Protein backbone atom coordinates (compact mmCIF):
# COMPACT_ATOMS: atom_id res chain seq x y z
CA UNK A 1 37.35 -164.32 9.31
CA UNK A 2 35.53 -161.38 10.79
CA UNK A 3 38.00 -161.10 13.67
CA UNK A 4 40.97 -160.62 11.30
CA UNK A 5 39.69 -157.35 9.74
CA UNK A 6 41.91 -154.24 9.71
CA UNK A 7 41.39 -151.96 12.73
CA UNK A 8 40.00 -149.19 10.51
CA UNK A 9 37.14 -151.42 9.30
CA UNK A 10 36.35 -152.65 12.78
CA UNK A 11 36.19 -149.08 14.09
CA UNK A 12 33.84 -148.11 11.34
CA UNK A 13 31.53 -151.09 12.16
CA UNK A 14 31.59 -150.11 15.87
CA UNK A 15 30.81 -146.47 15.08
CA UNK A 16 27.90 -147.45 12.91
CA UNK A 17 26.51 -149.58 15.66
CA UNK A 18 27.10 -147.07 18.39
CA UNK A 19 23.58 -145.56 18.55
CA UNK A 20 20.29 -147.37 18.94
CA UNK A 21 17.07 -146.18 17.28
CA UNK A 22 16.41 -143.71 20.10
CA UNK A 23 19.76 -142.00 19.70
CA UNK A 24 21.37 -143.41 22.82
CA UNK A 25 24.56 -145.55 23.00
CA UNK A 26 23.72 -149.17 22.29
CA UNK A 27 25.80 -150.75 25.08
CA UNK A 28 24.43 -154.21 24.57
CA UNK A 29 25.67 -154.33 20.93
CA UNK A 30 28.91 -152.75 21.87
CA UNK A 31 29.55 -155.35 24.57
CA UNK A 32 28.82 -158.13 22.11
CA UNK A 33 31.31 -156.55 19.63
CA UNK A 34 33.97 -156.24 22.21
CA UNK A 35 33.71 -159.99 22.93
CA UNK A 36 34.62 -161.02 19.38
CA UNK A 37 38.35 -161.03 19.99
CA UNK A 38 41.12 -159.07 21.70
CA UNK A 39 41.46 -156.93 18.62
CA UNK A 40 37.73 -156.06 18.70
CA UNK A 41 37.97 -155.31 22.42
CA UNK A 42 40.78 -152.81 21.80
CA UNK A 43 38.79 -151.08 18.99
CA UNK A 44 35.46 -151.04 20.92
CA UNK A 45 36.59 -149.85 24.38
CA UNK A 46 36.95 -146.14 23.59
CA UNK A 47 33.32 -145.97 22.49
CA UNK A 48 32.03 -148.51 25.05
CA UNK A 49 33.38 -146.31 27.86
CA UNK A 50 32.67 -142.93 26.26
CA UNK A 51 29.31 -142.72 28.23
CA UNK A 52 28.97 -144.15 31.64
CA UNK A 53 25.39 -144.29 33.08
CA UNK A 54 25.35 -144.72 36.92
CA UNK A 55 21.82 -143.37 37.45
CA UNK A 56 19.97 -145.24 40.09
CA UNK A 57 23.21 -146.42 41.81
CA UNK A 58 23.38 -145.89 45.57
CA UNK A 59 26.29 -144.24 47.24
CA UNK A 60 27.68 -147.58 48.37
CA UNK A 61 27.34 -148.94 44.78
CA UNK A 62 29.10 -145.84 43.38
CA UNK A 63 31.95 -146.33 45.86
CA UNK A 64 32.16 -150.04 44.90
CA UNK A 65 32.36 -148.99 41.20
CA UNK A 66 35.19 -146.57 42.08
CA UNK A 67 37.11 -149.29 43.87
CA UNK A 68 36.74 -151.62 40.92
CA UNK A 69 37.93 -149.19 38.23
CA UNK A 70 40.31 -146.98 40.27
CA UNK A 71 43.46 -148.81 39.02
CA UNK A 72 42.29 -149.00 35.40
CA UNK A 73 42.99 -145.49 34.16
CA UNK A 74 43.30 -146.85 30.63
CA UNK A 75 39.52 -147.32 30.50
CA UNK A 76 38.52 -144.27 32.58
CA UNK A 77 40.47 -141.88 30.23
CA UNK A 78 37.87 -142.71 27.57
CA UNK A 79 34.88 -141.53 29.66
CA UNK A 80 33.49 -138.26 28.17
CA UNK A 81 29.92 -138.27 29.66
CA UNK A 82 28.80 -139.45 33.08
CA UNK A 83 25.25 -139.73 34.43
CA UNK A 84 24.71 -139.81 38.25
CA UNK A 85 21.52 -139.76 40.32
CA UNK A 86 23.34 -139.17 43.57
CA UNK A 87 26.75 -137.58 44.29
CA UNK A 88 29.01 -139.67 46.42
CA UNK A 89 29.09 -137.34 49.42
CA UNK A 90 31.55 -136.98 51.13
CA UNK A 91 33.76 -138.58 48.48
CA UNK A 92 32.57 -136.53 45.51
CA UNK A 93 35.92 -134.98 44.88
CA UNK A 94 37.75 -138.33 44.81
CA UNK A 95 35.04 -139.96 42.72
CA UNK A 96 35.07 -137.17 40.06
CA UNK A 97 38.83 -137.43 40.03
CA UNK A 98 38.44 -140.90 38.50
CA UNK A 99 37.44 -139.22 35.16
CA UNK A 100 40.28 -136.94 34.05
CA UNK A 101 38.80 -136.14 30.63
CA UNK A 102 35.13 -135.81 31.58
CA UNK A 103 33.34 -133.52 29.21
CA UNK A 104 29.65 -133.80 30.29
CA UNK A 105 28.09 -134.47 33.72
CA UNK A 106 24.42 -135.24 34.09
CA UNK A 107 23.25 -135.15 37.72
CA UNK A 108 20.18 -135.63 39.87
CA UNK A 109 20.60 -135.25 43.65
CA UNK A 110 18.75 -135.09 46.88
CA UNK A 111 21.64 -133.42 48.70
CA UNK A 112 21.45 -129.90 50.04
CA UNK A 113 25.18 -129.21 49.68
CA UNK A 114 28.53 -130.61 48.65
CA UNK A 115 31.44 -131.04 51.04
CA UNK A 116 33.26 -127.73 51.59
CA UNK A 117 36.42 -128.90 49.92
CA UNK A 118 38.34 -126.96 47.31
CA UNK A 119 38.36 -128.78 44.01
CA UNK A 120 37.67 -127.96 40.33
CA UNK A 121 36.42 -129.83 37.30
CA UNK A 122 38.57 -128.18 34.59
CA UNK A 123 37.71 -130.57 31.79
CA UNK A 124 33.94 -130.22 32.21
CA UNK A 125 32.27 -128.22 29.45
CA UNK A 126 28.70 -129.47 29.58
CA UNK A 127 26.63 -129.68 32.84
CA UNK A 128 23.06 -131.06 32.89
CA UNK A 129 21.43 -130.70 36.26
CA UNK A 130 18.22 -132.77 36.21
CA UNK A 131 16.78 -132.35 39.74
CA UNK A 132 17.62 -131.15 43.14
CA UNK A 133 15.79 -129.89 46.31
CA UNK A 134 14.46 -126.36 45.69
CA UNK A 135 16.86 -124.67 48.16
CA UNK A 136 19.86 -126.98 47.51
CA UNK A 137 23.15 -125.24 47.03
CA UNK A 138 24.59 -128.12 44.93
CA UNK A 139 24.04 -126.26 41.58
CA UNK A 140 25.95 -123.23 42.69
CA UNK A 141 28.69 -125.46 44.22
CA UNK A 142 29.24 -127.19 40.83
CA UNK A 143 29.00 -123.95 38.86
CA UNK A 144 31.78 -122.47 40.98
CA UNK A 145 33.99 -125.51 40.20
CA UNK A 146 33.56 -125.55 36.39
CA UNK A 147 35.69 -122.61 34.97
CA UNK A 148 35.55 -123.91 31.40
CA UNK A 149 31.77 -124.63 31.23
CA UNK A 150 30.18 -123.78 27.90
CA UNK A 151 26.84 -125.73 27.95
CA UNK A 152 24.41 -125.51 30.92
CA UNK A 153 20.97 -127.20 31.25
CA UNK A 154 18.92 -126.58 34.37
CA UNK A 155 15.81 -128.81 34.54
CA UNK A 156 14.62 -127.50 38.03
CA UNK A 157 14.36 -124.11 39.63
CA UNK A 158 17.64 -122.51 40.71
CA UNK A 159 16.43 -120.89 43.96
CA UNK A 160 19.07 -121.23 46.63
CA UNK A 161 19.52 -117.89 48.42
CA UNK A 162 23.24 -118.62 48.83
CA UNK A 163 24.27 -116.90 45.52
CA UNK A 164 28.07 -116.88 45.18
CA UNK A 165 29.74 -113.57 45.90
CA UNK A 166 32.18 -113.90 42.99
CA UNK A 167 30.84 -113.73 39.43
CA UNK A 168 30.95 -116.89 37.28
CA UNK A 169 34.33 -117.57 35.63
CA UNK A 170 32.83 -119.51 32.73
CA UNK A 171 31.28 -118.06 29.62
CA UNK A 172 28.26 -119.95 28.22
CA UNK A 173 27.71 -120.79 24.60
CA UNK A 174 24.40 -122.50 25.37
CA UNK A 175 21.84 -122.06 28.19
CA UNK A 176 18.80 -124.36 28.54
CA UNK A 177 16.18 -123.69 31.20
CA UNK A 178 13.33 -126.11 31.95
CA UNK A 179 12.27 -123.91 34.92
CA UNK A 180 13.06 -120.18 35.10
CA UNK A 181 15.70 -119.47 37.86
CA UNK A 182 14.98 -116.95 40.57
CA UNK A 183 15.93 -113.40 39.58
CA UNK A 184 18.97 -113.25 41.88
CA UNK A 185 20.32 -116.44 40.31
CA UNK A 186 19.85 -114.97 36.79
CA UNK A 187 21.62 -111.79 37.88
CA UNK A 188 24.52 -113.90 38.92
CA UNK A 189 24.48 -115.79 35.61
CA UNK A 190 24.13 -112.73 33.40
CA UNK A 191 27.90 -111.97 33.02
CA UNK A 192 28.33 -115.50 31.66
CA UNK A 193 25.74 -114.78 28.91
CA UNK A 194 26.21 -111.27 27.49
CA UNK A 195 29.54 -111.89 25.72
CA UNK A 196 29.26 -115.52 24.51
CA UNK A 197 25.71 -116.90 24.34
CA UNK A 198 24.64 -118.26 20.95
CA UNK A 199 21.94 -120.82 21.93
CA UNK A 200 19.12 -120.01 24.29
CA UNK A 201 16.49 -122.65 25.25
CA UNK A 202 13.65 -121.63 27.61
CA UNK A 203 10.48 -123.48 28.62
CA UNK A 204 8.94 -120.32 30.27
CA UNK A 205 8.86 -116.78 29.04
CA UNK A 206 12.12 -115.08 29.90
CA UNK A 207 12.12 -113.10 33.17
CA UNK A 208 13.48 -109.46 33.06
CA UNK A 209 17.18 -110.28 33.81
CA UNK A 210 17.28 -113.01 31.14
CA UNK A 211 15.28 -110.86 28.68
CA UNK A 212 17.77 -108.03 29.12
CA UNK A 213 20.76 -110.35 28.61
CA UNK A 214 19.15 -111.85 25.40
CA UNK A 215 18.43 -108.33 24.06
CA UNK A 216 22.05 -107.30 24.60
CA UNK A 217 23.21 -110.39 22.80
CA UNK A 218 20.49 -110.68 20.25
CA UNK A 219 22.53 -109.86 17.16
CA UNK A 220 24.79 -112.84 17.95
CA UNK A 221 22.10 -115.35 18.97
CA UNK A 222 22.05 -118.16 16.39
CA UNK A 223 19.56 -120.53 17.94
CA UNK A 224 16.30 -119.95 19.92
CA UNK A 225 14.44 -122.92 21.46
CA UNK A 226 11.06 -122.53 23.13
CA UNK A 227 8.28 -124.65 24.49
CA UNK A 228 5.68 -123.53 22.06
CA UNK A 229 5.64 -120.83 19.38
CA UNK A 230 3.43 -117.79 20.22
CA UNK A 231 3.06 -114.11 19.42
CA UNK A 232 4.87 -113.09 22.62
CA UNK A 233 8.09 -114.29 21.06
CA UNK A 234 7.84 -111.94 18.03
CA UNK A 235 9.86 -109.17 19.67
CA UNK A 236 12.75 -111.50 20.66
CA UNK A 237 12.82 -113.18 17.23
CA UNK A 238 12.85 -109.83 15.48
CA UNK A 239 15.89 -108.74 17.44
CA UNK A 240 17.82 -111.91 16.54
CA UNK A 241 18.91 -110.74 13.11
CA UNK A 242 21.36 -113.62 12.60
CA UNK A 243 19.05 -116.45 13.76
CA UNK A 244 19.83 -119.70 12.03
CA UNK A 245 17.77 -122.15 14.05
CA UNK A 246 14.38 -122.20 15.70
CA UNK A 247 13.18 -125.13 17.80
CA UNK A 248 9.80 -125.79 19.36
CA UNK A 249 9.09 -128.37 22.08
CA UNK A 250 5.43 -128.33 21.04
CA UNK A 251 3.54 -127.09 18.02
CA UNK A 252 1.10 -124.20 18.52
CA UNK A 253 -2.57 -125.11 18.93
CA UNK A 254 -3.66 -121.70 17.67
CA UNK A 255 -2.03 -119.61 14.93
CA UNK A 256 0.69 -120.48 12.52
CA UNK A 257 4.43 -120.26 12.04
CA UNK A 258 4.33 -117.27 9.62
CA UNK A 259 6.64 -114.42 10.49
CA UNK A 260 9.65 -116.60 11.33
CA UNK A 261 12.96 -114.95 10.49
CA UNK A 262 13.93 -115.37 6.87
CA UNK A 263 17.50 -116.13 7.99
CA UNK A 264 16.49 -119.54 9.43
CA UNK A 265 18.46 -122.51 8.07
CA UNK A 266 17.25 -125.10 10.50
CA UNK A 267 13.70 -125.64 11.83
CA UNK A 268 13.30 -128.13 14.70
CA UNK A 269 10.31 -129.35 16.59
CA UNK A 270 9.17 -131.91 19.07
CA UNK A 271 5.64 -133.43 18.93
CA UNK A 272 4.88 -135.17 22.17
CA UNK A 273 1.27 -133.91 21.96
CA UNK A 274 0.80 -135.61 18.61
CA UNK A 275 -0.37 -132.50 16.77
CA UNK A 276 -0.59 -132.37 12.97
CA UNK A 277 2.61 -131.21 11.35
CA UNK A 278 1.04 -129.25 8.48
CA UNK A 279 2.14 -126.01 10.17
CA UNK A 280 5.71 -127.10 9.74
CA UNK A 281 5.13 -128.09 6.18
CA UNK A 282 3.94 -124.55 5.41
CA UNK A 283 7.05 -123.12 7.04
CA UNK A 284 9.32 -125.50 5.04
CA UNK A 285 7.83 -124.23 1.84
CA UNK A 286 7.93 -120.56 2.84
CA UNK A 287 11.42 -120.08 4.45
CA UNK A 288 13.90 -119.30 1.64
CA UNK A 289 17.14 -120.20 3.39
CA UNK A 290 15.95 -123.37 5.19
CA UNK A 291 18.23 -126.31 4.74
CA UNK A 292 17.25 -128.90 7.31
CA UNK A 293 14.27 -129.98 9.51
CA UNK A 294 14.78 -131.90 12.82
CA UNK A 295 12.03 -133.75 14.68
CA UNK A 296 11.42 -136.12 17.56
CA UNK A 297 10.18 -139.71 17.27
CA UNK A 298 6.60 -138.53 18.05
CA UNK A 299 6.34 -136.84 14.67
CA UNK A 300 6.87 -140.12 12.91
CA UNK A 301 3.51 -141.37 14.24
CA UNK A 302 1.49 -138.53 12.75
CA UNK A 303 -0.62 -139.54 9.76
CA UNK A 304 0.40 -136.36 7.88
CA UNK A 305 4.13 -136.80 8.50
CA UNK A 306 4.58 -137.98 4.88
CA UNK A 307 3.64 -134.51 3.77
CA UNK A 308 6.65 -133.11 5.67
CA UNK A 309 8.87 -135.75 4.14
CA UNK A 310 7.68 -134.85 0.69
CA UNK A 311 8.16 -131.08 1.29
CA UNK A 312 11.71 -131.69 2.50
CA UNK A 313 12.40 -133.89 -0.53
CA UNK A 314 11.21 -131.16 -2.85
CA UNK A 315 13.43 -128.68 -1.16
CA UNK A 316 16.33 -131.13 -1.35
CA UNK A 317 17.31 -131.39 2.38
CA UNK A 318 17.22 -134.12 4.99
CA UNK A 319 15.26 -134.65 8.19
CA UNK A 320 17.41 -135.22 11.32
CA UNK A 321 16.97 -136.43 14.91
CA UNK A 322 18.95 -135.64 18.11
CA UNK A 323 22.17 -133.76 18.88
CA UNK A 324 25.26 -133.52 21.05
CA UNK A 325 26.45 -130.61 23.28
CA UNK A 326 29.22 -129.20 21.03
CA UNK A 327 29.68 -125.87 19.32
CA UNK A 328 28.63 -125.63 15.72
CA UNK A 329 29.58 -123.84 12.62
CA UNK A 330 26.40 -124.77 10.69
CA UNK A 331 23.09 -126.05 12.10
CA UNK A 332 21.88 -128.78 12.72
CA UNK A 333 24.35 -129.82 15.30
CA UNK A 334 23.18 -133.55 15.19
CA UNK A 335 24.26 -136.51 17.29
CA UNK A 336 27.35 -138.19 15.85
CA UNK A 337 30.12 -140.51 16.79
CA UNK A 338 32.52 -137.97 15.28
CA UNK A 339 31.49 -135.44 17.95
CA UNK A 340 33.30 -137.60 20.49
CA UNK A 341 36.53 -136.59 18.96
CA UNK A 342 35.64 -132.95 19.65
CA UNK A 343 35.01 -133.91 23.29
CA UNK A 344 38.63 -135.05 23.57
CA UNK A 345 40.14 -131.71 22.58
CA UNK A 346 39.96 -128.06 23.66
CA UNK A 347 38.06 -127.23 20.56
CA UNK A 348 34.35 -128.17 20.53
CA UNK A 349 33.27 -126.73 17.22
CA UNK A 350 31.54 -128.96 14.65
CA UNK A 351 32.85 -128.44 11.11
CA UNK A 352 30.51 -127.37 8.35
CA UNK A 353 28.55 -130.12 6.58
CA UNK A 354 27.33 -133.43 7.74
CA UNK A 355 29.47 -135.29 10.36
CA UNK A 356 30.30 -138.97 10.21
CA UNK A 357 27.61 -141.49 11.31
CA UNK A 358 24.91 -138.91 12.07
CA UNK A 359 21.46 -140.23 12.85
CA UNK A 360 19.16 -139.64 9.86
CA UNK A 361 15.39 -140.38 10.08
């Protein structure tokens, strides 16, 4: 019977079912697998609870959730990623204390500040701040409480005038900016960049403080991610003599992708504007060290996508989709169940080669 399988086989089945076609945890399937038997429940729970999505929950609902799970530390110890759309003020400290091994926090908030209580989030290495009021001090409050932060994504403008007096204690491996922070905020962040940054992702052109930090770190930058490729990026790309990955959120309407660094091993692009992908095909055929191409689901809908598939087939490498916030030895980083093991330890570096159960498209 299916419920009498060895644990190793059950775990492999669960891992293969973990992601849906969009690259997100398939909780519906995981719930069904956990209901097969007690053995399947035991094997499924670590993955079922690895990502908890509480977006859209009110403060009262979050507090009710906390009351329900507070005494079940066995489940909460599995939580690696948490998504919130409202911090439980004034109980934020107690609520976050429910997740002792939390690796990534995704947060949207309408609050202007967090309670003035001393607490830290030492396990947190990845912070994604989706939205907040322009002058909110919540981002700085969290950044002061995450000494081991390695991955930071800011999807709104960091503009609070209450810049901390003390420099950041963390050192960033990756910085992603959907909106360019105010210069005083970038000045505060700069010490966290110049010694450790390897991945930079900017929607807008870098402002002077960020540009200076990138130039100082350029020889060690391994991945540059931009909104759209243009000639203004030529100087920055030329300085990045060890660049392995280049990612575009949109394909250029004018021009081409010639002049990309010959060191590139991974070319990634999103295609939400439904532009032809022949520019990418030309780059695939021209870059001598290219090993992999990554795309979003929009590229699949393009009538010329098969040309890209054929070009990659001729070069002998795959096309990937999605990724996790972990350090990497060799790009692409990918999204993989095996990355969850890295989120349970102090080391967050992906080994060379393909990881188990990566999403291939």
